[in-house]
Amino acid sequence: MSEVRILSALKRELNEIAHQAMSSPAGRDAFEYGRVTGMYAGLQRAIEVVEMAIGDRLEEMDGGIERHVGKPVY
């Protein structure tokens, strides 16, 4: 599933940004803090959108059975 690869890549990038931001927080000005925060928030939203798309696709494939047994774990 290509969506899973996309989701994995987004999560890796999110972790990398978080790691870079925490590795040298004292050397950042307000602009840089805002830039990194915005990138992190954007990646989080992208992950949510992909997860929703995967969930919708799975629901279409199984005829809505997951509503009765719970959402799949990725």
Protein backbone atom coordinates (compact mmCIF):
# COMPACT_ATOMS: atom_id res chain seq x y z
CA MET A 1 0.00 0.00 0.00
CA SER A 2 1.58 3.25 -1.09
CA GLU A 3 -0.33 5.17 1.59
CA VAL A 4 1.53 3.27 4.27
CA ARG A 5 4.89 4.24 2.74
CA ILE A 6 3.78 7.87 2.57
CA LEU A 7 2.66 7.75 6.20
CA SER A 8 5.97 6.22 7.27
CA ALA A 9 7.95 8.89 5.41
CA LEU A 10 5.89 11.68 7.00
CA LYS A 11 6.41 10.23 10.47
CA ARG A 12 10.17 9.92 9.89
CA GLU A 13 10.32 13.56 8.77
CA LEU A 14 8.27 14.62 11.81
CA ASN A 15 10.70 12.82 14.11
CA GLU A 16 13.69 14.38 12.35
CA ILE A 17 12.30 17.90 12.73
CA ALA A 18 11.55 17.30 16.41
CA HIS A 19 15.05 15.91 16.96
CA GLN A 20 16.71 18.85 15.19
CA ALA A 21 14.63 21.38 17.13
CA MET A 22 15.51 19.80 20.46
CA SER A 23 19.20 19.33 19.69
CA SER A 24 19.97 23.07 19.81
CA PRO A 25 16.99 25.01 21.18
CA ALA A 26 19.07 27.85 22.65
CA GLY A 27 20.46 28.93 19.28
CA ARG A 28 17.05 29.65 17.74
CA ASP A 29 15.40 33.03 17.43
CA ALA A 30 11.64 33.64 17.44
CA PHE A 31 11.40 33.35 13.64
CA GLU A 32 13.18 30.00 13.57
CA TYR A 33 11.02 28.72 16.42
CA GLY A 34 7.89 29.72 14.50
CA ARG A 35 9.17 28.13 11.30
CA VAL A 36 9.97 24.82 12.96
CA THR A 37 6.69 24.84 14.89
CA GLY A 38 4.78 25.46 11.66
CA MET A 39 6.58 22.66 9.86
CA TYR A 40 5.87 20.27 12.73
CA ALA A 41 2.17 21.22 12.81
CA GLY A 42 1.91 20.85 9.03
CA LEU A 43 3.43 17.39 9.11
CA GLN A 44 1.11 16.36 11.94
CA ARG A 45 -1.88 17.49 9.86
CA ALA A 46 -0.59 15.64 6.79
CA ILE A 47 -0.29 12.46 8.87
CA GLU A 48 -3.87 12.89 10.10
CA VAL A 49 -5.14 13.35 6.53
CA VAL A 50 -3.34 10.24 5.27
CA GLU A 51 -4.59 8.20 8.24
CA MET A 52 -8.16 9.35 7.53
CA ALA A 53 -7.77 8.47 3.85
CA ILE A 54 -6.48 5.01 4.73
CA GLY A 55 -9.36 4.52 7.17
CA ASP A 56 -11.92 5.61 4.57
CA ARG A 57 -10.40 3.29 1.98
CA LEU A 58 -10.44 0.33 4.35
CA GLU A 59 -14.02 1.07 5.32
CA GLU A 60 -15.02 1.11 1.65
CA MET A 61 -13.25 -2.22 1.11
CA ASP A 62 -14.82 -4.02 4.07
CA GLY A 63 -18.31 -2.60 3.76
CA GLY A 64 -18.12 -0.73 7.05
CA ILE A 65 -17.38 -3.76 9.26
CA GLU A 66 -14.78 -1.76 11.21
CA ARG A 67 -17.57 0.34 12.68
CA HIS A 68 -18.63 -2.78 14.56
CA VAL A 69 -15.21 -4.17 15.50
CA GLY A 70 -13.12 -0.98 15.86
CA LYS A 71 -10.62 0.91 13.77
CA PRO A 72 -7.58 -0.96 12.42
CA VAL A 73 -4.24 -0.41 14.12
CA TYR A 74 -1.44 0.76 11.81
